Amino acid sequence: MHNPLSLRHFLLALAVVFVWGTNFVVIKVALIHLPPILLAALRFTLVLLPAMFFLPRPAVPWHNLARYGIFIGVGQFGLLYLAMNGHISPGIASLVIQTQVFFTIGLSMWLGGERPRPYQWLSLLCASSGIALIFTHVSGAITGLGLALVLLAALSWAGGNITARACPSAQMLAYVVWSSAWAIPPLFALSFIMEGWHADLAGMQQATWQSWLAVVWQAWGNSLFGYVAWGWLLAKHPATTVVPMALLVPVFGMGASALLLGESFPAWKLIAAFCVMAGLAGNILWPHLIVWAKTRY
């Protein structure tokens, strides 16, 4: 069995998942004035600049960087911001986006010939029942379109995971920074086409200091700090020790949404959250529980 995280490293991991979870409320603040696709374009512009002048380009093929930038920038966050612009609440978005775990497994099966194990099928069934329950309650702050967009964002995130896995030796911070160069042009182009330059200009003129602080936090807090700290922890500890901490992301997301935005969590939301979280936990923790049981007994 692996040693647990030290208190200092545990607190760092907790800080990362806190930032990632509460970021869904920060997104909502930024969307008050900024159009969603423009917000994504501004976010990745700040990820790229000025960091690219201090970090050498990672030694990976340019097409890999381009795919990752498009999957994460345009697919994951572009679609997520569109969904959160009036189509889904932050708390539910923070929960549904975690289905990227199962999409990643599915893509690994399809592209790499990996075969799922029984506990993975059971975990997927459990999580899917939670998503299905959310689908039966689409109305008001949670629409079918919003739920579909977040699921597509989760699929894009999984595509980014598979793309990054092809370059395991890449330095993650430089990889994230330089891949943003391929996310920025399509995001600005899509914003110009779909939102219009009048809306973009009006949004930037009306944006408050809170809006701009939210954009900066998206780039430097969520992307740069989060990835750097998480990558450092994974370099110091086995993934089996660090990765389960990510289960707290939707907990912080739903808690922050309830506390700061007044999002209500009736029984059906809590049941759906339990199903999704149980599915995620089963997929991540079950193999290690088996190992623990074998070593103990």
Protein backbone atom coordinates (compact mmCIF):
# COMPACT_ATOMS: atom_id res chain seq x y z
CA MET A 1 0.00 0.00 0.00
CA HIS A 2 1.21 3.52 -0.77
CA ASN A 3 1.85 6.00 2.00
CA PRO A 4 -0.84 8.70 2.33
CA LEU A 5 -0.22 12.30 1.39
CA SER A 6 1.63 14.40 3.94
CA LEU A 7 -0.41 17.17 5.52
CA ARG A 8 1.25 19.81 3.35
CA HIS A 9 0.68 17.87 0.13
CA PHE A 10 -2.87 17.00 1.17
CA LEU A 11 -3.62 20.69 1.70
CA LEU A 12 -2.14 21.52 -1.72
CA ALA A 13 -4.32 18.87 -3.38
CA LEU A 14 -7.31 20.19 -1.44
CA ALA A 15 -6.53 23.72 -2.67
CA VAL A 16 -6.47 22.52 -6.28
CA VAL A 17 -9.82 20.72 -6.11
CA PHE A 18 -11.27 23.70 -4.22
CA VAL A 19 -10.17 26.02 -7.04
CA TRP A 20 -11.50 23.66 -9.70
CA GLY A 21 -14.81 23.17 -7.91
CA THR A 22 -15.56 26.79 -6.99
CA ASN A 23 -14.49 27.85 -10.48
CA PHE A 24 -18.02 27.10 -11.71
CA VAL A 25 -19.31 30.01 -9.62
CA VAL A 26 -16.48 32.19 -10.98
CA ILE A 27 -17.57 31.29 -14.52
CA LYS A 28 -21.09 32.47 -13.70
CA VAL A 29 -19.70 35.83 -12.53
CA ALA A 30 -17.74 36.29 -15.77
CA LEU A 31 -20.79 35.43 -17.89
CA ILE A 32 -22.83 38.29 -16.41
CA HIS A 33 -21.25 40.68 -18.92
CA LEU A 34 -19.04 38.65 -21.28
CA PRO A 35 -20.42 36.46 -24.09
CA PRO A 36 -19.49 32.80 -23.43
CA ILE A 37 -17.26 32.07 -26.43
CA LEU A 38 -15.49 35.41 -26.03
CA LEU A 39 -14.88 34.48 -22.38
CA ALA A 40 -13.21 31.24 -23.48
CA ALA A 41 -11.08 33.13 -26.01
CA LEU A 42 -9.96 35.65 -23.39
CA ARG A 43 -9.21 32.88 -20.90
CA PHE A 44 -6.87 31.01 -23.22
CA THR A 45 -5.25 34.24 -24.40
CA LEU A 46 -4.22 34.85 -20.79
CA VAL A 47 -3.05 31.24 -20.45
CA LEU A 48 -0.77 31.75 -23.46
CA LEU A 49 0.42 35.29 -22.71
CA PRO A 50 2.84 36.10 -21.26
CA ALA A 51 3.78 32.54 -20.18
CA MET A 52 4.88 31.51 -23.69
CA PHE A 53 7.81 33.94 -23.47
CA PHE A 54 9.14 32.16 -20.37
CA LEU A 55 8.43 28.53 -21.23
CA PRO A 56 10.03 26.72 -24.17
CA ARG A 57 7.72 24.94 -26.57
CA PRO A 58 7.34 21.33 -25.42
CA ALA A 59 9.02 18.73 -27.58
CA VAL A 60 5.80 17.21 -28.90
CA PRO A 61 4.35 17.20 -32.45
CA TRP A 62 2.51 20.40 -33.32
CA HIS A 63 -0.58 18.45 -34.38
CA ASN A 64 -0.79 16.95 -30.89
CA LEU A 65 -0.70 20.43 -29.34
CA ALA A 66 -3.33 21.58 -31.85
CA ARG A 67 -5.68 18.70 -31.05
CA TYR A 68 -5.31 19.25 -27.32
CA GLY A 69 -5.92 23.00 -27.67
CA ILE A 70 -9.05 22.47 -29.75
CA PHE A 71 -10.42 19.69 -27.53
CA ILE A 72 -9.88 21.61 -24.29
CA GLY A 73 -10.26 25.21 -25.44
CA VAL A 74 -13.03 24.99 -28.02
CA GLY A 75 -14.65 21.71 -27.01
CA GLN A 76 -14.50 21.54 -23.24
CA PHE A 77 -14.61 25.16 -22.16
CA GLY A 78 -16.32 26.69 -25.18
CA LEU A 79 -19.24 24.29 -24.82
CA LEU A 80 -19.23 24.49 -21.01
CA TYR A 81 -19.47 28.29 -21.07
CA LEU A 82 -22.27 28.13 -23.65
CA ALA A 83 -24.17 25.72 -21.42
CA MET A 84 -23.68 27.82 -18.29
CA ASN A 85 -24.93 30.93 -20.08
CA GLY A 86 -28.49 30.34 -18.88
CA HIS A 87 -28.90 26.64 -19.74
CA ILE A 88 -27.57 24.81 -16.67
CA SER A 89 -26.78 25.70 -13.07
CA PRO A 90 -23.15 25.78 -11.86
CA GLY A 91 -23.67 23.02 -9.30
CA ILE A 92 -25.13 20.53 -11.78
CA ALA A 93 -22.53 21.53 -14.40
CA SER A 94 -19.72 20.75 -11.95
CA LEU A 95 -21.25 17.30 -11.44
CA VAL A 96 -22.10 16.36 -15.04
CA ILE A 97 -18.70 17.43 -16.43
CA GLN A 98 -17.11 14.66 -14.34
CA THR A 99 -18.58 12.10 -16.75
CA GLN A 100 -15.37 12.77 -18.68
CA VAL A 101 -14.00 9.84 -16.66
CA PHE A 102 -16.32 7.41 -18.45
CA PHE A 103 -15.86 9.06 -21.84
CA THR A 104 -12.10 8.69 -21.38
CA ILE A 105 -12.54 4.99 -20.63
CA GLY A 106 -14.79 4.61 -23.67
CA LEU A 107 -12.31 6.32 -25.98
CA SER A 108 -9.49 4.18 -24.59
CA MET A 109 -11.55 1.08 -25.38
CA TRP A 110 -12.34 2.28 -28.89
CA LEU A 111 -8.88 3.55 -29.84
CA GLY A 112 -6.59 1.34 -27.78
CA GLY A 113 -8.49 -1.90 -27.56
CA GLU A 114 -8.81 -1.71 -23.79
CA ARG A 115 -11.54 -3.93 -22.33
CA PRO A 116 -13.76 -2.69 -19.51
CA ARG A 117 -13.99 -4.70 -16.32
CA PRO A 118 -17.25 -5.56 -14.55
CA TYR A 119 -16.81 -2.88 -11.87
CA GLN A 120 -16.43 -0.26 -14.63
CA TRP A 121 -19.72 -1.32 -16.22
CA LEU A 122 -21.42 -1.12 -12.82
CA SER A 123 -19.87 2.29 -12.14
CA LEU A 124 -21.02 3.56 -15.54
CA LEU A 125 -24.53 2.23 -14.94
CA CYS A 126 -24.69 3.95 -11.54
CA ALA A 127 -23.46 7.30 -12.91
CA SER A 128 -25.73 7.05 -15.96
CA SER A 129 -28.76 6.59 -13.71
CA GLY A 130 -27.89 9.92 -12.07
CA ILE A 131 -27.59 11.67 -15.44
CA ALA A 132 -30.89 10.11 -16.54
CA LEU A 133 -32.54 11.45 -13.39
CA ILE A 134 -31.29 14.94 -14.23
CA PHE A 135 -32.70 14.57 -17.76
CA THR A 136 -36.14 13.85 -16.27
CA HIS A 137 -36.06 17.21 -14.46
CA VAL A 138 -35.00 19.52 -17.27
CA SER A 139 -36.71 22.88 -16.84
CA GLY A 140 -35.88 26.37 -15.71
CA ALA A 141 -32.21 26.55 -14.72
CA ILE A 142 -31.46 23.10 -16.17
CA THR A 143 -32.43 22.58 -19.80
CA GLY A 144 -31.95 19.64 -22.12
CA LEU A 145 -29.69 21.77 -24.30
CA GLY A 146 -27.54 22.73 -21.32
CA LEU A 147 -27.19 19.13 -20.20
CA ALA A 148 -26.31 17.99 -23.73
CA LEU A 149 -23.70 20.74 -24.09
CA VAL A 150 -22.01 19.78 -20.80
CA LEU A 151 -21.95 16.12 -21.83
CA LEU A 152 -20.31 17.13 -25.12
CA ALA A 153 -17.85 19.25 -23.11
CA ALA A 154 -17.06 16.17 -21.02
CA LEU A 155 -16.50 14.17 -24.21
CA SER A 156 -14.13 16.87 -25.46
CA TRP A 157 -12.27 16.77 -22.13
CA ALA A 158 -11.88 13.02 -22.60
CA GLY A 159 -10.50 13.66 -26.09
CA GLY A 160 -7.96 16.02 -24.53
CA ASN A 161 -7.02 13.35 -21.98
CA ILE A 162 -6.37 10.78 -24.72
CA THR A 163 -4.38 13.34 -26.72
CA ALA A 164 -2.18 14.28 -23.74
CA ARG A 165 -1.66 10.60 -22.89
CA ALA A 166 0.13 10.21 -26.24
CA CYS A 167 2.89 12.52 -24.93
CA PRO A 168 3.53 11.33 -21.36
CA SER A 169 6.99 12.94 -21.13
CA ALA A 170 5.74 16.46 -21.93
CA GLN A 171 6.09 19.12 -19.23
CA MET A 172 2.44 19.77 -18.42
CA LEU A 173 2.63 23.51 -17.78
CA ALA A 174 4.39 24.23 -21.07
CA TYR A 175 2.04 21.79 -22.80
CA VAL A 176 -1.07 23.60 -21.53
CA VAL A 177 0.38 27.04 -22.32
CA TRP A 178 1.50 26.29 -25.88
CA SER A 179 -1.59 24.25 -26.80
CA SER A 180 -3.64 27.37 -26.04
CA ALA A 181 -2.21 28.96 -29.19
CA TRP A 182 -4.44 26.62 -31.23
CA ALA A 183 -7.53 27.30 -29.14
CA ILE A 184 -7.45 31.10 -29.42
CA PRO A 185 -8.00 31.65 -33.20
CA PRO A 186 -11.07 29.35 -33.56
CA LEU A 187 -12.59 30.73 -30.35
CA PHE A 188 -12.28 34.35 -31.50
CA ALA A 189 -13.58 33.36 -34.96
CA LEU A 190 -16.58 31.53 -33.47
CA SER A 191 -17.29 34.45 -31.15
CA PHE A 192 -17.24 36.87 -34.09
CA ILE A 193 -19.57 34.62 -36.14
CA MET A 194 -21.97 33.45 -33.43
CA GLU A 195 -21.98 36.36 -30.98
CA GLY A 196 -21.04 39.27 -33.23
CA TRP A 197 -18.40 41.91 -32.68
CA HIS A 198 -21.04 44.33 -31.38
CA ALA A 199 -21.90 41.95 -28.53
CA ASP A 200 -18.21 41.28 -27.87
CA LEU A 201 -17.37 44.97 -27.75
CA ALA A 202 -20.39 45.76 -25.57
CA GLY A 203 -19.51 42.93 -23.21
CA MET A 204 -15.95 44.14 -22.73
CA GLN A 205 -17.11 47.72 -22.24
CA GLN A 206 -19.71 46.71 -19.64
CA ALA A 207 -17.45 44.24 -17.82
CA THR A 208 -16.68 45.22 -14.23
CA TRP A 209 -13.46 44.60 -12.34
CA GLN A 210 -15.13 41.46 -10.96
CA SER A 211 -15.64 40.24 -14.54
CA TRP A 212 -12.00 40.77 -15.45
CA LEU A 213 -10.81 39.25 -12.19
CA ALA A 214 -12.94 36.20 -13.02
CA VAL A 215 -11.25 35.95 -16.44
CA VAL A 216 -7.80 36.18 -14.86
CA TRP A 217 -8.74 33.56 -12.30
CA GLN A 218 -9.95 31.27 -15.08
CA ALA A 219 -6.54 31.46 -16.74
CA TRP A 220 -4.04 31.73 -13.90
CA GLY A 221 -5.86 30.15 -10.99
CA ASN A 222 -7.78 27.35 -12.67
CA SER A 223 -5.47 26.49 -15.59
CA LEU A 224 -1.94 27.42 -14.55
CA PHE A 225 -2.01 26.94 -10.77
CA GLY A 226 -4.30 23.93 -10.98
CA TYR A 227 -2.33 22.07 -13.61
CA VAL A 228 1.09 22.94 -12.17
CA ALA A 229 0.18 21.89 -8.62
CA TRP A 230 -1.67 18.76 -9.74
CA GLY A 231 1.16 17.72 -12.06
CA TRP A 232 3.71 18.31 -9.28
CA LEU A 233 1.69 16.13 -6.89
CA LEU A 234 1.41 13.36 -9.49
CA ALA A 235 5.19 13.51 -9.94
CA LYS A 236 5.70 13.11 -6.18
CA HIS A 237 3.04 10.49 -5.46
CA PRO A 238 1.34 7.57 -7.25
CA ALA A 239 -1.75 8.53 -9.20
CA THR A 240 -3.76 6.19 -6.97
CA THR A 241 -2.96 8.45 -4.03
CA VAL A 242 -3.69 11.79 -5.72
CA VAL A 243 -6.48 11.19 -8.25
CA PRO A 244 -9.24 10.21 -5.75
CA MET A 245 -9.04 13.78 -4.39
CA ALA A 246 -10.68 14.92 -7.65
CA LEU A 247 -13.93 13.40 -6.38
CA LEU A 248 -14.25 16.53 -4.24
CA VAL A 249 -14.52 18.83 -7.27
CA PRO A 250 -18.32 18.50 -7.65
CA VAL A 251 -18.70 18.63 -3.86
CA PHE A 252 -17.03 22.06 -3.81
CA GLY A 253 -18.87 23.06 -6.99
CA MET A 254 -22.30 22.24 -5.64
CA GLY A 255 -21.51 23.67 -2.21
CA ALA A 256 -20.24 26.97 -3.63
CA SER A 257 -23.24 27.23 -5.95
CA ALA A 258 -25.63 26.72 -3.03
CA LEU A 259 -23.77 29.08 -0.70
CA LEU A 260 -22.92 31.92 -3.08
CA LEU A 261 -25.62 31.72 -5.75
CA GLY A 262 -28.49 30.27 -3.74
CA GLU A 263 -28.88 27.21 -5.96
CA SER A 264 -31.40 24.86 -4.40
CA PHE A 265 -30.74 21.15 -4.05
CA PRO A 266 -34.03 19.28 -3.71
CA ALA A 267 -34.09 15.54 -3.10
CA TRP A 268 -33.87 14.57 -6.77
CA LYS A 269 -30.67 16.61 -7.26
CA LEU A 270 -29.08 15.02 -4.20
CA ILE A 271 -30.05 11.53 -5.41
CA ALA A 272 -28.65 12.26 -8.88
CA ALA A 273 -25.45 13.63 -7.33
CA PHE A 274 -25.13 10.54 -5.15
CA CYS A 275 -25.50 8.23 -8.16
CA VAL A 276 -22.92 10.10 -10.25
CA MET A 277 -20.48 10.41 -7.35
CA ALA A 278 -20.92 6.75 -6.42
CA GLY A 279 -20.20 5.76 -10.01
CA LEU A 280 -17.08 7.92 -10.12
CA ALA A 281 -15.90 6.67 -6.74
CA GLY A 282 -16.47 3.05 -7.71
CA ASN A 283 -14.49 3.45 -10.91
CA ILE A 284 -11.54 5.11 -9.17
CA LEU A 285 -11.45 3.35 -5.81
CA TRP A 286 -12.68 -0.22 -6.40
CA PRO A 287 -9.39 -1.65 -7.78
CA HIS A 288 -7.45 -0.21 -4.85
CA LEU A 289 -9.94 -1.58 -2.33
CA ILE A 290 -9.39 -5.03 -3.85
CA VAL A 291 -5.61 -4.64 -3.51
CA TRP A 292 -6.02 -3.43 0.07
CA ALA A 293 -8.24 -6.39 0.93
CA LYS A 294 -5.79 -8.88 -0.58
CA THR A 295 -2.82 -7.43 1.31
CA ARG A 296 -4.75 -7.30 4.57
CA TYR A 297 -6.36 -10.73 4.43
